[in-house]
PDB file of N, CA and C in Angstrom:
ATOM      1  N   MET A   1       0.755  -1.001  -0.004  1.00  0.00           N
ATOM      2  CA  MET A   1      -0.132   0.070   0.320  1.00  0.00           C
ATOM      3  C   MET A   1       1.088   1.297   0.049  1.00  0.00           C
ATOM      4  N   THR A   2       0.662   2.279  -0.823  1.00  0.00           N
ATOM      5  CA  THR A   2       1.149   3.316  -0.999  1.00  0.00           C
ATOM      6  C   THR A   2       0.758   4.524  -0.195  1.00  0.00           C
ATOM      7  N   MET A   3       1.573   4.847   0.486  1.00  0.00           N
ATOM      8  CA  MET A   3       1.098   6.063   1.353  1.00  0.00           C
ATOM      9  C   MET A   3       1.216   7.483   0.659  1.00  0.00           C
ATOM     10  N   GLN A   4       0.018   8.342   1.001  1.00  0.00           N
ATOM     11  CA  GLN A   4       0.299   9.732   0.415  1.00  0.00           C
ATOM     12  C   GLN A   4       1.046  10.677   1.262  1.00  0.00           C
ATOM     13  N   PRO A   5       1.558  11.660   0.507  1.00  0.00           N
ATOM     14  CA  PRO A   5       2.434  12.572   1.404  1.00  0.00           C
ATOM     15  C   PRO A   5       1.422  13.710   2.254  1.00  0.00           C
ATOM     16  N   THR A   6       1.778  14.022   3.215  1.00  0.00           N
ATOM     17  CA  THR A   6       1.100  14.642   4.141  1.00  0.00           C
ATOM     18  C   THR A   6       1.412  16.049   3.875  1.00  0.00           C
ATOM     19  N   ALA A   7       2.490  16.681   3.718  1.00  0.00           N
ATOM     20  CA  ALA A   7       2.710  17.821   3.119  1.00  0.00           C
ATOM     21  C   ALA A   7       1.969  18.397   2.094  1.00  0.00           C
ATOM     22  N   GLN A   8       1.541  19.771   2.420  1.00  0.00           N
ATOM     23  CA  GLN A   8       0.635  20.268   1.096  1.00  0.00           C
ATOM     24  C   GLN A   8       1.795  20.638   0.489  1.00  0.00           C
ATOM     25  N   PRO A   9       1.427  20.915  -1.035  1.00  0.00           N
ATOM     26  CA  PRO A   9       2.397  21.179  -2.259  1.00  0.00           C
ATOM     27  C   PRO A   9       2.554  22.496  -2.033  1.00  0.00           C
ATOM     28  N   ALA A  10       3.789  23.131  -2.424  1.00  0.00           N
ATOM     29  CA  ALA A  10       4.281  24.595  -2.305  1.00  0.00           C
ATOM     30  C   ALA A  10       2.811  25.497  -2.811  1.00  0.00           C
ATOM     31  N   ALA A  11       2.406  25.071  -4.081  1.00  0.00           N
ATOM     32  CA  ALA A  11       1.251  26.177  -4.389  1.00  0.00           C
ATOM     33  C   ALA A  11       0.142  26.296  -3.479  1.00  0.00           C
ATOM     34  N   GLN A  12      -0.032  25.304  -2.525  1.00  0.00           N
ATOM     35  CA  GLN A  12      -1.129  25.463  -1.396  1.00  0.00           C
ATOM     36  C   GLN A  12      -0.578  25.972  -0.205  1.00  0.00           C
ATOM     37  N   GLN A  13       0.489  26.180  -0.003  1.00  0.00           N
ATOM     38  CA  GLN A  13       1.139  26.792   1.234  1.00  0.00           C
ATOM     39  C   GLN A  13       0.460  28.039   1.197  1.00  0.00           C
ATOM     40  N   SER A  14       0.694  28.555   2.502  1.00  0.00           N
ATOM     41  CA  SER A  14       0.347  29.933   2.894  1.00  0.00           C
ATOM     42  C   SER A  14       1.267  30.788   2.136  1.00  0.00           C
ATOM     43  N   LEU A  15       0.633  32.091   1.758  1.00  0.00           N
ATOM     44  CA  LEU A  15       1.508  33.028   0.751  1.00  0.00           C
ATOM     45  C   LEU A  15       1.976  33.852   1.653  1.00  0.00           C
ATOM     46  N   GLN A  16       1.530  33.956   3.123  1.00  0.00           N
ATOM     47  CA  GLN A  16       1.827  34.948   4.098  1.00  0.00           C
ATOM     48  C   GLN A  16       3.484  34.734   4.682  1.00  0.00           C
ATOM     49  N   PRO A  17       3.796  35.787   4.736  1.00  0.00           N
ATOM     50  CA  PRO A  17       5.418  35.678   5.371  1.00  0.00           C
ATOM     51  C   PRO A  17       4.952  35.374   6.654  1.00  0.00           C
ATOM     52  N   ALA A  18       6.333  34.970   7.541  1.00  0.00           N
ATOM     53  CA  ALA A  18       5.922  34.739   9.007  1.00  0.00           C
ATOM     54  C   ALA A  18       5.129  35.555   9.797  1.00  0.00           C
ATOM     55  N   VAL A  19       5.352  36.655   9.722  1.00  0.00           N
ATOM     56  CA  VAL A  19       4.680  37.850  10.175  1.00  0.00           C
ATOM     57  C   VAL A  19       4.512  38.872   9.437  1.00  0.00           C
ATOM     58  N   LEU A  20       3.297  39.617   9.664  1.00  0.00           N
ATOM     59  CA  LEU A  20       2.924  40.548   9.031  1.00  0.00           C
ATOM     60  C   LEU A  20       3.321  41.665   9.755  1.00  0.00           C
ATOM     61  N   ARG A  21       3.941  42.899   9.393  1.00  0.00           N
ATOM     62  CA  ARG A  21       4.391  43.853   9.986  1.00  0.00           C
ATOM     63  C   ARG A  21       3.989  45.534   9.908  1.00  0.00           C
ATOM     64  N   ILE A  22       3.952  46.360  10.697  1.00  0.00           N
ATOM     65  CA  ILE A  22       3.688  47.436  10.624  1.00  0.00           C
ATOM     66  C   ILE A  22       4.020  47.959   9.098  1.00  0.00           C
ATOM     67  N   GLY A  23       3.642  48.598   8.185  1.00  0.00           N
ATOM     68  CA  GLY A  23       4.121  49.092   6.668  1.00  0.00           C
ATOM     69  C   GLY A  23       4.198  48.361   5.746  1.00  0.00           C
ATOM     70  N   ASP A  24       3.889  46.898   5.824  1.00  0.00           N
ATOM     71  CA  ASP A  24       3.866  45.740   4.960  1.00  0.00           C
ATOM     72  C   ASP A  24       2.362  46.316   4.168  1.00  0.00           C
ATOM     73  N   TYR A  25       2.687  45.960   2.678  1.00  0.00           N
ATOM     74  CA  TYR A  25       1.573  46.102   1.824  1.00  0.00           C
ATOM     75  C   TYR A  25       0.908  44.545   1.762  1.00  0.00           C
ATOM     76  N   VAL A  26      -0.562  45.186   1.648  1.00  0.00           N
ATOM     77  CA  VAL A  26      -1.295  43.754   1.725  1.00  0.00           C
ATOM     78  C   VAL A  26      -2.343  43.649   0.639  1.00  0.00           C
ATOM     79  N   LEU A  27      -2.940  42.613   0.116  1.00  0.00           N
ATOM     80  CA  LEU A  27      -3.969  42.782  -0.637  1.00  0.00           C
ATOM     81  C   LEU A  27      -5.123  42.239   0.091  1.00  0.00           C
ATOM     82  N   TYR A  28      -6.381  42.880   0.605  1.00  0.00           N
ATOM     83  CA  TYR A  28      -7.091  42.769   1.621  1.00  0.00           C
ATOM     84  C   TYR A  28      -8.726  42.356   0.742  1.00  0.00           C
ATOM     85  N   ARG A  29      -9.116  41.403   1.018  1.00  0.00           N
ATOM     86  CA  ARG A  29     -10.530  41.066   0.664  1.00  0.00           C
ATOM     87  C   ARG A  29     -11.578  41.100   1.666  1.00  0.00           C
ATOM     88  N   ASP A  30     -12.425  42.121   1.443  1.00  0.00           N
ATOM     89  CA  ASP A  30     -13.514  42.225   2.429  1.00  0.00           C
ATOM     90  C   ASP A  30     -14.573  40.945   2.203  1.00  0.00           C
ATOM     91  N   ALA A  31     -14.536  40.005   3.190  1.00  0.00           N
ATOM     92  CA  ALA A  31     -15.102  38.614   3.390  1.00  0.00           C
ATOM     93  C   ALA A  31     -16.776  38.969   3.034  1.00  0.00           C
ATOM     94  N   ASP A  32     -17.245  40.140   3.830  1.00  0.00           N
ATOM     95  CA  ASP A  32     -18.881  40.194   3.791  1.00  0.00           C
ATOM     96  C   ASP A  32     -19.006  40.582   2.111  1.00  0.00           C
ATOM     97  N   ARG A  33     -18.377  41.395   1.602  1.00  0.00           N
ATOM     98  CA  ARG A  33     -18.797  41.909   0.059  1.00  0.00           C
ATOM     99  C   ARG A  33     -18.584  40.986  -0.842  1.00  0.00           C
ATOM    100  N   TYR A  34     -17.509  40.170  -0.592  1.00  0.00           N
ATOM    101  CA  TYR A  34     -17.184  39.163  -1.571  1.00  0.00           C
ATOM    102  C   TYR A  34     -18.397  37.878  -1.475  1.00  0.00           C
ATOM    103  N   TRP A  35     -18.609  37.660  -0.255  1.00  0.00           N
ATOM    104  CA  TRP A  35     -19.596  36.273  -0.185  1.00  0.00           C
ATOM    105  C   TRP A  35     -20.739  36.823  -0.651  1.00  0.00           C
ATOM    106  N   ALA A  36     -21.178  38.317  -0.568  1.00  0.00           N
ATOM    107  CA  ALA A  36     -22.372  38.663  -1.143  1.00  0.00           C
ATOM    108  C   ALA A  36     -22.421  39.038  -2.360  1.00  0.00           C
ATOM    109  N   GLY A  37     -21.397  38.602  -3.219  1.00  0.00           N
ATOM    110  CA  GLY A  37     -21.566  38.994  -4.759  1.00  0.00           C
ATOM    111  C   GLY A  37     -21.086  40.702  -4.863  1.00  0.00           C
ATOM    112  N   GLU A  38     -21.014  41.176  -4.110  1.00  0.00           N
ATOM    113  CA  GLU A  38     -20.727  42.633  -4.321  1.00  0.00           C
ATOM    114  C   GLU A  38     -19.524  42.968  -5.002  1.00  0.00           C
ATOM    115  N   PRO A  39     -19.604  44.177  -5.804  1.00  0.00           N
ATOM    116  CA  PRO A  39     -18.159  44.339  -6.379  1.00  0.00           C
ATOM    117  C   PRO A  39     -17.457  45.367  -5.419  1.00  0.00           C
ATOM    118  N   ASN A  40     -16.357  45.644  -5.923  1.00  0.00           N
ATOM    119  CA  ASN A  40     -15.364  46.220  -5.260  1.00  0.00           C
ATOM    120  C   ASN A  40     -15.058  45.819  -3.695  1.00  0.00           C
ATOM    121  N   HIS A  41     -14.804  44.433  -3.803  1.00  0.00           N
ATOM    122  CA  HIS A  41     -14.194  43.702  -2.337  1.00  0.00           C
ATOM    123  C   HIS A  41     -12.846  43.467  -2.259  1.00  0.00           C
ATOM    124  N   THR A  42     -11.809  44.025  -2.944  1.00  0.00           N
ATOM    125  CA  THR A  42     -10.690  43.694  -2.647  1.00  0.00           C
ATOM    126  C   THR A  42      -9.857  44.669  -3.152  1.00  0.00           C
ATOM    127  N   PHE A  43      -8.773  45.258  -1.990  1.00  0.00           N
ATOM    128  CA  PHE A  43      -8.035  46.465  -1.873  1.00  0.00           C
ATOM    129  C   PHE A  43      -6.743  46.228  -1.720  1.00  0.00           C
ATOM    130  N   VAL A  44      -5.882  47.087  -2.291  1.00  0.00           N
ATOM    131  CA  VAL A  44      -4.174  47.154  -1.510  1.00  0.00           C
ATOM    132  C   VAL A  44      -4.231  47.872  -0.468  1.00  0.00           C
ATOM    133  N   CYS A  45      -3.965  47.637   0.683  1.00  0.00           N
ATOM    134  CA  CYS A  45      -3.838  48.427   1.938  1.00  0.00           C
ATOM    135  C   CYS A  45      -2.454  48.138   2.553  1.00  0.00           C
ATOM    136  N   CYS A  46      -2.050  49.036   3.360  1.00  0.00           N
ATOM    137  CA  CYS A  46      -0.893  49.024   4.274  1.00  0.00           C
ATOM    138  C   CYS A  46      -1.413  48.791   5.720  1.00  0.00           C
ATOM    139  N   VAL A  47      -0.415  47.916   6.431  1.00  0.00           N
ATOM    140  CA  VAL A  47      -0.881  47.622   7.805  1.00  0.00           C
ATOM    141  C   VAL A  47      -0.199  48.535   8.441  1.00  0.00           C
ATOM    142  N   THR A  48      -1.346  49.040   9.517  1.00  0.00           N
ATOM    143  CA  THR A  48      -1.095  50.333  10.191  1.00  0.00           C
ATOM    144  C   THR A  48      -0.819  49.796  11.642  1.00  0.00           C
ATOM    145  N   ARG A  49      -1.297  48.683  12.101  1.00  0.00           N
ATOM    146  CA  ARG A  49      -1.397  48.042  13.556  1.00  0.00           C
ATOM    147  C   ARG A  49      -1.213  46.932  13.585  1.00  0.00           C
ATOM    148  N   VAL A  50      -0.862  45.859  14.388  1.00  0.00           N
ATOM    149  CA  VAL A  50      -0.849  44.504  14.591  1.00  0.00           C
ATOM    150  C   VAL A  50      -1.481  44.266  15.791  1.00  0.00           C
ATOM    151  N   ILE A  51      -2.835  43.614  16.196  1.00  0.00           N
ATOM    152  CA  ILE A  51      -3.014  43.214  17.709  1.00  0.00           C
ATOM    153  C   ILE A  51      -2.818  41.962  17.746  1.00  0.00           C
ATOM    154  N   GLU A  52      -2.066  41.557  19.067  1.00  0.00           N
ATOM    155  CA  GLU A  52      -2.004  40.403  19.273  1.00  0.00           C
ATOM    156  C   GLU A  52      -2.819  39.701  20.238  1.00  0.00           C
ATOM    157  N   VAL A  53      -3.967  38.965  19.978  1.00  0.00           N
ATOM    158  CA  VAL A  53      -5.031  38.541  20.880  1.00  0.00           C
ATOM    159  C   VAL A  53      -4.364  37.512  22.010  1.00  0.00           C
ATOM    160  N   SER A  54      -3.664  36.333  21.256  1.00  0.00           N
ATOM    161  CA  SER A  54      -2.874  35.413  22.002  1.00  0.00           C
ATOM    162  C   SER A  54      -2.049  34.735  20.615  1.00  0.00           C
ATOM    163  N   HIS A  55      -1.096  33.614  20.945  1.00  0.00           N
ATOM    164  CA  HIS A  55      -0.155  33.199  20.309  1.00  0.00           C
ATOM    165  C   HIS A  55      -0.732  32.627  18.893  1.00  0.00           C
ATOM    166  N   ARG A  56      -2.065  32.464  18.969  1.00  0.00           N
ATOM    167  CA  ARG A  56      -2.580  31.694  17.918  1.00  0.00           C
ATOM    168  C   ARG A  56      -3.494  32.484  17.050  1.00  0.00           C
ATOM    169  N   MET A  57      -3.924  33.832  17.689  1.00  0.00           N
ATOM    170  CA  MET A  57      -4.768  34.798  17.250  1.00  0.00           C
ATOM    171  C   MET A  57      -4.430  36.369  17.168  1.00  0.00           C
ATOM    172  N   ARG A  58      -4.618  37.027  15.890  1.00  0.00           N
ATOM    173  CA  ARG A  58      -4.099  38.230  15.700  1.00  0.00           C
ATOM    174  C   ARG A  58      -4.816  38.978  14.871  1.00  0.00           C
ATOM    175  N   PHE A  59      -5.203  40.244  14.635  1.00  0.00           N
ATOM    176  CA  PHE A  59      -5.813  40.993  13.665  1.00  0.00           C
ATOM    177  C   PHE A  59      -5.123  41.995  13.621  1.00  0.00           C
ATOM    178  N   LEU A  60      -5.469  42.825  12.371  1.00  0.00           N
ATOM    179  CA  LEU A  60      -4.448  43.733  11.651  1.00  0.00           C
ATOM    180  C   LEU A  60      -5.325  44.990  11.553  1.00  0.00           C
ATOM    181  N   ASP A  61      -4.888  46.235  11.785  1.00  0.00           N
ATOM    182  CA  ASP A  61      -5.611  47.339  11.181  1.00  0.00           C
ATOM    183  C   ASP A  61      -4.894  47.833   9.809  1.00  0.00           C
ATOM    184  N   LEU A  62      -5.584  48.050   9.188  1.00  0.00           N
ATOM    185  CA  LEU A  62      -5.194  48.878   7.816  1.00  0.00           C
ATOM    186  C   LEU A  62      -5.574  49.680   7.383  1.00  0.00           C
ATOM    187  N   VAL A  63      -4.883  50.392   6.402  1.00  0.00           N
ATOM    188  CA  VAL A  63      -5.487  51.614   5.838  1.00  0.00           C
ATOM    189  C   VAL A  63      -5.424  51.488   4.351  1.00  0.00           C
ATOM    190  N   CYS A  64      -6.765  51.690   3.634  1.00  0.00           N
ATOM    191  CA  CYS A  64      -6.614  51.296   1.689  1.00  0.00           C
ATOM    192  C   CYS A  64      -5.835  52.560   1.214  1.00  0.00           C
ATOM    193  N   LEU A  65      -4.824  52.236   0.544  1.00  0.00           N
ATOM    194  CA  LEU A  65      -3.993  53.050  -0.387  1.00  0.00           C
ATOM    195  C   LEU A  65      -4.910  53.786  -0.989  1.00  0.00           C
ATOM    196  N   LYS A  66      -6.045  53.254  -1.783  1.00  0.00           N
ATOM    197  CA  LYS A  66      -6.857  54.346  -2.676  1.00  0.00           C
ATOM    198  C   LYS A  66      -7.452  55.388  -2.187  1.00  0.00           C
ATOM    199  N   THR A  67      -8.437  54.857  -0.856  1.00  0.00           N
ATOM    200  CA  THR A  67      -9.525  55.710  -0.363  1.00  0.00           C
ATOM    201  C   THR A  67      -8.744  56.569   0.920  1.00  0.00           C
ATOM    202  N   LYS A  68      -7.568  55.801   1.413  1.00  0.00           N
ATOM    203  CA  LYS A  68      -7.270  56.509   2.657  1.00  0.00           C
ATOM    204  C   LYS A  68      -7.930  55.894   3.952  1.00  0.00           C
ATOM    205  N   CYS A  69      -9.032  55.210   3.624  1.00  0.00           N
ATOM    206  CA  CYS A  69     -10.034  54.626   4.778  1.00  0.00           C
ATOM    207  C   CYS A  69      -9.371  53.917   5.413  1.00  0.00           C
ATOM    208  N   PRO A  70      -9.582  53.676   6.783  1.00  0.00           N
ATOM    209  CA  PRO A  70      -8.910  52.417   7.650  1.00  0.00           C
ATOM    210  C   PRO A  70      -9.747  51.469   7.650  1.00  0.00           C
ATOM    211  N   VAL A  71      -9.175  50.036   7.945  1.00  0.00           N
ATOM    212  CA  VAL A  71     -10.121  48.882   7.773  1.00  0.00           C
ATOM    213  C   VAL A  71      -9.516  48.453   9.150  1.00  0.00           C
ATOM    214  N   LYS A  72     -10.495  48.115  10.089  1.00  0.00           N
ATOM    215  CA  LYS A  72     -10.277  47.746  11.377  1.00  0.00           C
ATOM    216  C   LYS A  72     -10.442  46.338  11.748  1.00  0.00           C
ATOM    217  N   ASP A  73      -9.633  45.669  12.831  1.00  0.00           N
ATOM    218  CA  ASP A  73      -9.691  44.236  13.084  1.00  0.00           C
ATOM    219  C   ASP A  73      -9.990  43.239  11.714  1.00  0.00           C
ATOM    220  N   VAL A  74      -8.941  43.128  10.979  1.00  0.00           N
ATOM    221  CA  VAL A  74      -8.751  42.381   9.854  1.00  0.00           C
ATOM    222  C   VAL A  74      -8.132  40.901  10.168  1.00  0.00           C
ATOM    223  N   SER A  75      -8.886  39.762   9.859  1.00  0.00           N
ATOM    224  CA  SER A  75      -8.422  38.380   9.964  1.00  0.00           C
ATOM    225  C   SER A  75      -7.036  38.225   8.939  1.00  0.00           C
ATOM    226  N   PRO A  76      -5.951  38.023   9.407  1.00  0.00           N
ATOM    227  CA  PRO A  76      -4.674  37.737   8.502  1.00  0.00           C
ATOM    228  C   PRO A  76      -5.244  36.713   7.444  1.00  0.00           C
ATOM    229  N   ASP A  77      -6.459  35.816   7.517  1.00  0.00           N
ATOM    230  CA  ASP A  77      -6.856  35.197   6.563  1.00  0.00           C
ATOM    231  C   ASP A  77      -7.437  35.519   5.234  1.00  0.00           C
ATOM    232  N   TYR A  78      -7.851  36.796   5.512  1.00  0.00           N
ATOM    233  CA  TYR A  78      -8.577  37.462   4.324  1.00  0.00           C
ATOM    234  C   TYR A  78      -7.297  38.650   3.862  1.00  0.00           C
ATOM    235  N   LEU A  79      -5.880  38.461   3.943  1.00  0.00           N
ATOM    236  CA  LEU A  79      -4.845  39.018   3.438  1.00  0.00           C
ATOM    237  C   LEU A  79      -3.911  38.268   2.914  1.00  0.00           C
ATOM    238  N   ARG A  80      -3.221  38.725   1.700  1.00  0.00           N
ATOM    239  CA  ARG A  80      -2.157  38.271   1.082  1.00  0.00           C
ATOM    240  C   ARG A  80      -0.913  39.042   0.789  1.00  0.00           C
ATOM    241  N   PHE A  81       0.097  38.895   1.463  1.00  0.00           N
ATOM    242  CA  PHE A  81       1.311  40.070   1.480  1.00  0.00           C
ATOM    243  C   PHE A  81       1.550  40.105  -0.039  1.00  0.00           C
ATOM    244  N   LEU A  82       1.974  41.464  -0.126  1.00  0.00           N
ATOM    245  CA  LEU A  82       2.380  41.822  -1.446  1.00  0.00           C
ATOM    246  C   LEU A  82       4.048  42.149  -1.420  1.00  0.00           C
ATOM    247  N   PRO A  83       4.861  41.165  -1.921  1.00  0.00           N
ATOM    248  CA  PRO A  83       6.026  41.300  -1.657  1.00  0.00           C
ATOM    249  C   PRO A  83       6.769  42.429  -2.398  1.00  0.00           C
ATOM    250  N   PRO A  84       7.433  43.298  -1.863  1.00  0.00           N
ATOM    251  CA  PRO A  84       8.338  44.453  -2.520  1.00  0.00           C
ATOM    252  C   PRO A  84       8.931  44.085  -4.094  1.00  0.00           C
ATOM    253  N   ALA A  85       9.268  42.509  -4.271  1.00  0.00           N
ATOM    254  CA  ALA A  85       9.758  42.023  -5.348  1.00  0.00           C
ATOM    255  C   ALA A  85       8.784  42.290  -6.574  1.00  0.00           C
ATOM    256  N   ASP A  86       7.821  41.954  -6.425  1.00  0.00           N
ATOM    257  CA  ASP A  86       6.421  41.986  -7.070  1.00  0.00           C
ATOM    258  C   ASP A  86       6.447  43.611  -7.585  1.00  0.00           C
ATOM    259  N   ALA A  87       6.642  44.477  -6.827  1.00  0.00           N
ATOM    260  CA  ALA A  87       6.256  45.809  -6.919  1.00  0.00           C
ATOM    261  C   ALA A  87       7.715  46.425  -7.672  1.00  0.00           C
ATOM    262  N   MET A  88       8.420  45.843  -7.737  1.00  0.00           N
ATOM    263  CA  MET A  88       9.919  46.349  -8.337  1.00  0.00           C
ATOM    264  C   MET A  88      10.366  45.735  -9.582  1.00  0.00           C
ATOM    265  N   ARG A  89       9.483  44.252  -9.996  1.00  0.00           N
ATOM    266  CA  ARG A  89       9.818  43.513 -11.104  1.00  0.00           C
ATOM    267  C   ARG A  89       9.810  44.474 -12.232  1.00  0.00           C
ATOM    268  N   ASP A  90       9.210  45.448 -12.500  1.00  0.00           N
ATOM    269  CA  ASP A  90       9.128  46.345 -13.676  1.00  0.00           C
ATOM    270  C   ASP A  90      10.504  46.881 -13.975  1.00  0.00           C
ATOM    271  N   ILE A  91      11.361  47.081 -12.871  1.00  0.00           N
ATOM    272  CA  ILE A  91      12.810  47.834 -12.923  1.00  0.00           C
ATOM    273  C   ILE A  91      13.656  46.625 -13.067  1.00  0.00           C
ATOM    274  N   ASP A  92      13.245  45.415 -12.351  1.00  0.00           N
ATOM    275  CA  ASP A  92      14.614  44.384 -12.745  1.00  0.00           C
ATOM    276  C   ASP A  92      14.215  43.638 -14.251  1.00  0.00           C
ATOM    277  N   ASN A  93      13.205  43.741 -15.037  1.00  0.00           N
ATOM    278  CA  ASN A  93      12.934  43.035 -15.978  1.00  0.00           C
ATOM    279  C   ASN A  93      12.648  44.105 -17.360  1.00  0.00           C
ATOM    280  N   ALA A  94      12.642  45.529 -17.130  1.00  0.00           N
ATOM    281  CA  ALA A  94      12.387  46.284 -18.207  1.00  0.00           C
ATOM    282  C   ALA A  94      13.793  46.492 -19.020  1.00  0.00           C
ATOM    283  N   PRO A  95      13.587  46.854 -20.292  1.00  0.00           N
ATOM    284  CA  PRO A  95      14.851  47.166 -21.044  1.00  0.00           C
ATOM    285  C   PRO A  95      15.452  48.511 -21.090  1.00  0.00           C
ATOM    286  N   LEU A  96      16.487  48.488 -20.553  1.00  0.00           N
ATOM    287  CA  LEU A  96      16.961  50.040 -20.112  1.00  0.00           C
ATOM    288  C   LEU A  96      17.087  51.339 -21.511  1.00  0.00           C
ATOM    289  N   ASP A  97      16.715  50.562 -22.906  1.00  0.00           N
ATOM    290  CA  ASP A  97      17.221  51.682 -23.714  1.00  0.00           C
ATOM    291  C   ASP A  97      15.846  52.044 -24.109  1.00  0.00           C
ATOM    292  N   ASP A  98      14.592  51.870 -23.635  1.00  0.00           N
ATOM    293  CA  ASP A  98      13.425  52.544 -23.781  1.00  0.00           C
ATOM    294  C   ASP A  98      12.766  53.201 -22.686  1.00  0.00           C
ATOM    295  N   ASP A  99      13.218  54.459 -22.475  1.00  0.00           N
ATOM    296  CA  ASP A  99      12.447  55.108 -21.368  1.00  0.00           C
ATOM    297  C   ASP A  99      10.984  55.178 -21.101  1.00  0.00           C
ATOM    298  N   THR A 100      10.230  54.988 -21.831  1.00  0.00           N
ATOM    299  CA  THR A 100       8.707  54.701 -22.085  1.00  0.00           C
ATOM    300  C   THR A 100       8.241  53.461 -21.301  1.00  0.00           C
ATOM    301  N   VAL A 101       8.900  52.365 -20.875  1.00  0.00           N
ATOM    302  CA  VAL A 101       8.624  51.302 -20.518  1.00  0.00           C
ATOM    303  C   VAL A 101       8.596  51.445 -19.014  1.00  0.00           C
ATOM    304  N   LEU A 102       9.338  52.176 -18.367  1.00  0.00           N
ATOM    305  CA  LEU A 102       9.392  52.144 -17.147  1.00  0.00           C
ATOM    306  C   LEU A 102       8.615  53.545 -16.384  1.00  0.00           C
ATOM    307  N   THR A 103       8.152  53.401 -15.681  1.00  0.00           N
ATOM    308  CA  THR A 103       7.832  54.678 -14.729  1.00  0.00           C
ATOM    309  C   THR A 103       8.630  55.454 -14.342  1.00  0.00           C
ATOM    310  N   SER A 104       8.388  56.914 -14.305  1.00  0.00           N
ATOM    311  CA  SER A 104       9.104  57.955 -14.230  1.00  0.00           C
ATOM    312  C   SER A 104       9.950  57.808 -12.569  1.00  0.00           C
ATOM    313  N   ALA A 105       9.168  57.114 -11.627  1.00  0.00           N
ATOM    314  CA  ALA A 105       9.645  56.957 -10.455  1.00  0.00           C
ATOM    315  C   ALA A 105      10.991  55.833 -10.695  1.00  0.00           C
ATOM    316  N   ALA A 106      10.515  54.755 -11.368  1.00  0.00           N
ATOM    317  CA  ALA A 106      11.758  53.846 -11.630  1.00  0.00           C
ATOM    318  C   ALA A 106      12.887  54.289 -12.459  1.00  0.00           C
ATOM    319  N   ILE A 107      12.812  55.042 -13.478  1.00  0.00           N
ATOM    320  CA  ILE A 107      13.710  55.781 -14.006  1.00  0.00           C
ATOM    321  C   ILE A 107      14.627  56.507 -13.327  1.00  0.00           C
ATOM    322  N   ALA A 108      13.818  57.573 -11.943  1.00  0.00           N
ATOM    323  CA  ALA A 108      14.468  58.207 -11.310  1.00  0.00           C
ATOM    324  C   ALA A 108      15.513  57.251 -10.277  1.00  0.00           C
ATOM    325  N   TRP A 109      14.894  56.362  -9.857  1.00  0.00           N
ATOM    326  CA  TRP A 109      15.584  55.374  -8.960  1.00  0.00           C
ATOM    327  C   TRP A 109      17.023  54.653  -9.862  1.00  0.00           C
ATOM    328  N   LEU A 110      16.590  54.310 -10.741  1.00  0.00           N
ATOM    329  CA  LEU A 110      17.768  53.988 -11.876  1.00  0.00           C
ATOM    330  C   LEU A 110      18.888  54.740 -11.939  1.00  0.00           C
ATOM    331  N   ARG A 111      18.562  56.118 -12.401  1.00  0.00           N
ATOM    332  CA  ARG A 111      19.377  57.050 -12.691  1.00  0.00           C
ATOM    333  C   ARG A 111      20.445  57.336 -11.348  1.00  0.00           C
ATOM    334  N   GLN A 112      19.683  57.499 -10.043  1.00  0.00           N
ATOM    335  CA  GLN A 112      20.278  57.645  -8.784  1.00  0.00           C
ATOM    336  C   GLN A 112      21.083  56.346  -8.568  1.00  0.00           C
ATOM    337  N   GLN A 113      20.906  55.320  -8.715  1.00  0.00           N
ATOM    338  CA  GLN A 113      21.878  54.323  -8.432  1.00  0.00           C
ATOM    339  C   GLN A 113      22.968  54.146  -9.503  1.00  0.00           C
ATOM    340  N   TYR A 114      22.618  54.136 -10.733  1.00  0.00           N
ATOM    341  CA  TYR A 114      23.820  53.986 -11.719  1.00  0.00           C
ATOM    342  C   TYR A 114      24.407  55.103 -12.512  1.00  0.00           C
ATOM    343  N   GLY A 115      23.898  56.429 -11.935  1.00  0.00           N
ATOM    344  CA  GLY A 115      24.209  57.675 -12.861  1.00  0.00           C
ATOM    345  C   GLY A 115      23.578  57.847 -14.130  1.00  0.00           C
ATOM    346  N   LYS A 116      23.513  58.742 -14.489  1.00  0.00           N
ATOM    347  CA  LYS A 116      22.405  59.599 -15.578  1.00  0.00           C
ATOM    348  C   LYS A 116      22.891  59.080 -16.782  1.00  0.00           C
ATOM    349  N   THR A 117      24.104  58.860 -17.006  1.00  0.00           N
ATOM    350  CA  THR A 117      24.539  58.453 -18.336  1.00  0.00           C
ATOM    351  C   THR A 117      24.216  57.085 -18.947  1.00  0.00           C
ATOM    352  N   THR A 118      24.128  56.395 -17.931  1.00  0.00           N
ATOM    353  CA  THR A 118      24.110  54.853 -18.273  1.00  0.00           C
ATOM    354  C   THR A 118      22.541  54.207 -18.271  1.00  0.00           C
ATOM    355  N   VAL A 119      21.507  55.214 -17.930  1.00  0.00           N
ATOM    356  CA  VAL A 119      20.294  55.127 -17.941  1.00  0.00           C
ATOM    357  C   VAL A 119      19.420  56.081 -19.331  1.00  0.00           C
TER     358      VAL A 119
END
């Protein structure tokens, strides 16, 4: 008899970092709006406070980046961490010979790092 592995495949493992911290960017899904089939249920937010209830329970306060509205007492189950590497991928992958591909902030950062003559 062949035993099935008990570990979850990597794709099903949590996408959360070990601990979300103040200042982390997250994708937040409003579960009430989502399950009710209402639009505008998912937002990009920044963590503003972490509330530790016990070693197994915590909640977070967020601020929505688009509306600047606070979102209180959010369960981490409805958050996904947005890694800085994802936000910076356009800089890492964009061709440097075409300024129109990069945002102006990305171009400014590259010029600051490598000098104006190379970008």
